[in-house]
């Protein structure tokens, strides 16, 4: 009976359950602001931005479209909070964050959440390769921030803070968005990786190379610039044309102008 009660009351509204990763991300961002632990200020900033970007995008994708990538991104955001839990000192905020991360991990498997997730790719949706670059760039601040725990300064911030910007340009199909993920950000990541040392430089370089490799796939360009075919006209006998079309064209049923 107790399990039936929780089954009914915790899964009534799927949007509420889908918000759980964002709640966990917010709790850990606050925890880092109170006590960042071994993370320097630059890593704390990038880690917080990356967590919030992943969790927020996941919530929007789950609630609005029920996208499969959004569900996976939500699980990734929850896993990212657990990595922070292994780095940060244990205190009250740590226990609050861990509790919310546990709830978020369970909520993403609630039936009212999983039932909304598409079982097959959307017929008119972008190919999987077209989704990988922006999602990787959303997670890049977090990844760079964790990898650069022993490094701080402008190169770390330049790589981490520019990634969500290029993800936004690409996702909104704005000018320069495609070249941003194909060339600009990968070159920035590869160019600044030597200044970050190890292991941050290696991680940043691999991120830049991985984004570029996927972004140069032909289906990525096809999804960014869909091919357009020139329309073709066919003559239709007047007797087969709907009357409202004939009236709008001011043509009678014999094909004569009236």
Protein backbone atom coordinates (compact mmCIF):
# COMPACT_ATOMS: atom_id res chain seq x y z
CA UNK A 1 0.00 0.00 0.00
CA UNK A 2 2.85 2.38 0.80
CA UNK A 3 4.54 1.63 -2.51
CA UNK A 4 1.25 2.26 -4.31
CA UNK A 5 0.97 5.62 -2.53
CA UNK A 6 4.41 6.73 -3.69
CA UNK A 7 3.81 5.31 -7.16
CA UNK A 8 0.71 7.50 -7.42
CA UNK A 9 1.92 10.72 -5.80
CA UNK A 10 5.51 10.91 -7.02
CA UNK A 11 4.74 10.23 -10.67
CA UNK A 12 1.56 12.21 -11.22
CA UNK A 13 3.25 15.06 -13.03
CA UNK A 14 6.14 14.15 -15.25
CA UNK A 15 7.44 17.72 -15.54
CA UNK A 16 7.98 17.78 -11.75
CA UNK A 17 10.03 14.59 -11.90
CA UNK A 18 11.94 15.91 -14.91
CA UNK A 19 12.97 18.98 -12.89
CA UNK A 20 14.92 16.82 -10.43
CA UNK A 21 18.31 17.03 -12.26
CA UNK A 22 18.09 20.82 -12.23
CA UNK A 23 17.37 20.81 -8.50
CA UNK A 24 20.39 18.61 -7.85
CA UNK A 25 22.60 20.81 -10.04
CA UNK A 26 21.49 23.95 -8.20
CA UNK A 27 22.20 22.33 -4.82
CA UNK A 28 25.76 21.42 -5.82
CA UNK A 29 26.42 24.84 -7.34
CA UNK A 30 25.42 26.40 -4.04
CA UNK A 31 27.57 23.89 -2.21
CA UNK A 32 30.58 24.87 -4.35
CA UNK A 33 29.95 28.54 -3.65
CA UNK A 34 29.98 27.82 0.08
CA UNK A 35 33.01 25.51 0.00
CA UNK A 36 34.69 24.76 -3.36
CA UNK A 37 37.15 22.30 -1.84
CA UNK A 38 40.15 21.68 -4.11
CA UNK A 39 38.65 23.58 -7.03
CA UNK A 40 40.19 26.99 -7.81
CA UNK A 41 37.84 29.92 -8.65
CA UNK A 42 38.09 29.34 -12.40
CA UNK A 43 37.22 25.65 -12.07
CA UNK A 44 34.39 26.45 -9.67
CA UNK A 45 32.89 28.90 -12.19
CA UNK A 46 33.21 26.53 -15.13
CA UNK A 47 31.91 23.54 -13.20
CA UNK A 48 28.84 25.45 -12.04
CA UNK A 49 28.09 26.76 -15.54
CA UNK A 50 28.49 23.30 -17.07
CA UNK A 51 26.24 21.65 -14.49
CA UNK A 52 23.48 24.21 -14.91
CA UNK A 53 23.73 24.13 -18.70
CA UNK A 54 23.42 20.34 -18.85
CA UNK A 55 20.60 20.13 -16.30
CA UNK A 56 18.58 23.01 -17.77
CA UNK A 57 18.87 21.70 -21.33
CA UNK A 58 17.87 18.24 -20.13
CA UNK A 59 14.74 19.56 -18.40
CA UNK A 60 13.67 21.52 -21.48
CA UNK A 61 14.23 18.55 -23.76
CA UNK A 62 12.33 16.16 -21.49
CA UNK A 63 9.35 18.40 -20.79
CA UNK A 64 8.90 19.90 -24.27
CA UNK A 65 9.83 17.10 -26.67
CA UNK A 66 10.53 13.96 -24.62
CA UNK A 67 13.83 13.63 -26.48
CA UNK A 68 16.02 10.61 -25.87
CA UNK A 69 19.15 12.77 -25.81
CA UNK A 70 17.56 14.89 -23.05
CA UNK A 71 17.04 11.85 -20.84
CA UNK A 72 20.65 10.77 -21.35
CA UNK A 73 21.87 14.29 -20.72
CA UNK A 74 19.92 14.37 -17.46
CA UNK A 75 21.58 11.15 -16.35
CA UNK A 76 24.93 12.65 -17.29
CA UNK A 77 24.21 15.77 -15.25
CA UNK A 78 23.35 13.65 -12.20
CA UNK A 79 26.53 11.61 -12.65
CA UNK A 80 28.48 14.88 -12.86
CA UNK A 81 27.14 15.94 -9.46
CA UNK A 82 28.40 12.69 -7.95
CA UNK A 83 31.89 13.45 -9.23
CA UNK A 84 31.77 16.74 -7.34
CA UNK A 85 30.65 14.81 -4.26
CA UNK A 86 33.91 12.84 -4.37
CA UNK A 87 35.96 16.06 -4.50
CA UNK A 88 34.19 18.36 -2.08
CA UNK A 89 34.51 18.11 1.75
CA UNK A 90 31.58 16.53 3.59
CA UNK A 91 29.32 18.97 5.42
CA UNK A 92 25.61 19.81 5.58
CA UNK A 93 25.51 21.09 2.00
CA UNK A 94 27.23 17.90 0.87
CA UNK A 95 24.49 15.76 2.42
CA UNK A 96 21.76 17.97 0.89
CA UNK A 97 23.35 17.72 -2.54
CA UNK A 98 23.82 13.96 -2.27
CA UNK A 99 20.19 13.50 -1.25
CA UNK A 100 18.95 15.58 -4.20
CA UNK A 101 21.26 13.74 -6.60
CA UNK A 102 19.86 10.43 -5.37
CA UNK A 103 16.30 11.66 -5.82
CA UNK A 104 17.13 12.99 -9.29
CA UNK A 105 18.69 9.69 -10.36
CA UNK A 106 15.58 7.82 -9.23
CA UNK A 107 13.18 10.38 -10.72
CA UNK A 108 14.65 9.96 -14.19
CA UNK A 109 13.50 6.32 -14.08
CA UNK A 110 9.97 7.09 -12.90
CA UNK A 111 7.43 5.68 -15.39
CA UNK A 112 5.87 9.10 -15.93
CA UNK A 113 9.26 10.34 -17.12
CA UNK A 114 10.38 7.33 -19.12
CA UNK A 115 6.96 7.03 -20.78
CA UNK A 116 7.42 10.50 -22.26
CA UNK A 117 10.80 9.64 -23.76
CA UNK A 118 10.66 8.67 -27.41
CA UNK A 119 11.42 5.03 -28.05
CA UNK A 120 12.50 5.75 -31.63
CA UNK A 121 14.14 8.83 -33.19
CA UNK A 122 11.74 11.52 -34.37
CA UNK A 123 10.94 11.20 -38.06
CA UNK A 124 11.65 14.88 -38.71
CA UNK A 125 14.32 15.28 -36.03
CA UNK A 126 18.04 15.87 -36.59
CA UNK A 127 20.36 12.88 -37.01
CA UNK A 128 22.27 11.76 -33.90
CA UNK A 129 25.55 13.18 -35.21
CA UNK A 130 24.00 16.66 -35.40
CA UNK A 131 23.11 16.58 -31.68
CA UNK A 132 26.53 15.51 -30.41
CA UNK A 133 28.48 18.79 -30.98
CA UNK A 134 26.17 21.14 -29.04
CA UNK A 135 25.71 18.68 -26.17
CA UNK A 136 29.47 18.18 -25.93
CA UNK A 137 29.99 21.93 -25.87
CA UNK A 138 27.41 22.28 -23.11
CA UNK A 139 29.33 19.78 -21.01
CA UNK A 140 32.73 21.22 -21.95
CA UNK A 141 32.87 23.86 -19.14
CA UNK A 142 32.29 21.15 -16.54
CA UNK A 143 34.82 18.76 -18.09
CA UNK A 144 37.48 21.44 -18.48
CA UNK A 145 36.80 22.76 -14.98
CA UNK A 146 37.28 19.35 -13.37
CA UNK A 147 40.36 18.55 -15.47
CA UNK A 148 41.95 21.94 -14.71
CA UNK A 149 41.79 21.74 -10.92
CA UNK A 150 45.51 22.55 -10.75
CA UNK A 151 45.34 25.32 -13.35
CA UNK A 152 43.72 28.73 -13.30
CA UNK A 153 43.82 31.77 -15.51
CA UNK A 154 42.58 33.17 -18.79
CA UNK A 155 43.24 30.11 -21.04
CA UNK A 156 40.99 27.89 -18.90
CA UNK A 157 38.21 30.47 -18.85
CA UNK A 158 38.54 31.18 -22.59
CA UNK A 159 38.08 27.52 -23.52
CA UNK A 160 35.34 26.80 -21.00
CA UNK A 161 33.23 29.93 -21.35
CA UNK A 162 33.33 30.00 -25.15
CA UNK A 163 31.95 26.46 -25.52
CA UNK A 164 28.33 27.23 -24.50
CA UNK A 165 28.40 30.31 -26.76
CA UNK A 166 29.26 28.24 -29.82
CA UNK A 167 26.68 25.65 -28.78
CA UNK A 168 24.04 28.40 -28.69
CA UNK A 169 25.03 29.76 -32.12
CA UNK A 170 24.84 26.27 -33.58
CA UNK A 171 21.58 25.28 -31.91
CA UNK A 172 19.87 28.53 -33.00
CA UNK A 173 21.23 28.17 -36.57
CA UNK A 174 22.80 31.63 -36.32
CA UNK A 175 25.51 32.90 -38.70
CA UNK A 176 28.81 31.26 -37.90
CA UNK A 177 27.25 28.51 -35.81
CA UNK A 178 28.30 25.64 -38.05
CA UNK A 179 31.84 26.95 -38.54
CA UNK A 180 32.03 27.61 -34.83
CA UNK A 181 31.67 23.91 -33.99
CA UNK A 182 33.59 22.72 -37.04
CA UNK A 183 36.59 25.04 -36.86
CA UNK A 184 36.61 27.97 -34.41
CA UNK A 185 36.12 26.25 -31.04
CA UNK A 186 38.17 23.17 -31.94
CA UNK A 187 41.07 25.42 -33.00
CA UNK A 188 40.70 27.44 -29.80
CA UNK A 189 40.72 24.28 -27.68
CA UNK A 190 43.68 22.76 -29.51
CA UNK A 191 45.60 26.03 -29.55
CA UNK A 192 45.24 26.68 -25.83
CA UNK A 193 45.69 23.08 -24.69
CA UNK A 194 49.51 23.38 -24.32
CA UNK A 195 49.02 26.30 -21.90
CA UNK A 196 46.83 24.15 -19.64
CA UNK A 197 49.40 21.47 -18.94
CA UNK A 198 48.48 17.90 -18.07
CA UNK A 199 45.87 16.47 -17.78
CA UNK A 200 43.76 19.54 -18.59
CA UNK A 201 45.53 20.16 -21.91
CA UNK A 202 45.06 16.58 -23.06
CA UNK A 203 41.36 16.59 -22.13
CA UNK A 204 40.76 19.94 -23.80
CA UNK A 205 42.57 18.89 -26.96
CA UNK A 206 40.58 15.66 -27.16
CA UNK A 207 37.34 17.59 -26.72
CA UNK A 208 38.23 19.98 -29.53
CA UNK A 209 39.27 17.16 -31.85
CA UNK A 210 36.18 15.10 -31.04
CA UNK A 211 33.79 17.99 -31.69
CA UNK A 212 35.49 18.77 -35.00
CA UNK A 213 35.43 15.15 -36.21
CA UNK A 214 31.70 14.77 -35.55
CA UNK A 215 30.81 18.26 -36.83
CA UNK A 216 32.44 17.57 -40.21
CA UNK A 217 30.14 14.64 -40.90
CA UNK A 218 27.92 15.36 -43.93
CA UNK A 219 24.65 14.80 -42.03
CA UNK A 220 25.58 17.62 -39.65
CA UNK A 221 25.78 20.11 -42.51
CA UNK A 222 22.60 18.68 -44.04
CA UNK A 223 20.71 19.23 -40.79
CA UNK A 224 22.10 22.78 -40.46
CA UNK A 225 21.39 23.69 -44.11
CA UNK A 226 18.52 21.42 -45.21
CA UNK A 227 18.49 20.84 -48.98
CA UNK A 228 15.76 22.71 -50.76
CA UNK A 229 14.19 21.44 -53.95
CA UNK A 230 12.68 23.73 -56.53
CA UNK A 231 8.94 23.23 -56.71
CA UNK A 232 7.36 21.74 -59.82
CA UNK A 233 4.00 22.69 -61.30
CA UNK A 234 1.61 20.31 -63.04
CA UNK A 235 -1.43 21.29 -65.10
CA UNK A 236 -4.70 20.20 -63.47
CA UNK A 237 -7.94 19.93 -65.48
CA UNK A 238 -10.54 22.49 -64.28
CA UNK A 239 -13.08 19.77 -63.57
CA UNK A 240 -10.63 18.19 -61.08
CA UNK A 241 -9.82 21.44 -59.31
CA UNK A 242 -11.61 22.29 -56.03
CA UNK A 243 -14.21 25.04 -56.50
CA UNK A 244 -12.59 27.32 -53.90
CA UNK A 245 -9.33 27.22 -55.87
CA UNK A 246 -11.14 28.14 -59.07
CA UNK A 247 -12.96 30.98 -57.32
CA UNK A 248 -9.70 32.33 -55.88
CA UNK A 249 -8.09 32.22 -59.34
CA UNK A 250 -11.25 33.70 -60.93
CA UNK A 251 -11.55 30.78 -63.36
CA UNK A 252 -14.73 28.94 -64.33
CA UNK A 253 -15.13 25.16 -64.60
CA UNK A 254 -14.07 25.32 -68.27
CA UNK A 255 -10.72 26.92 -67.45
CA UNK A 256 -11.72 30.35 -68.74
CA UNK A 257 -10.89 33.59 -66.94
CA UNK A 258 -14.04 35.25 -65.56
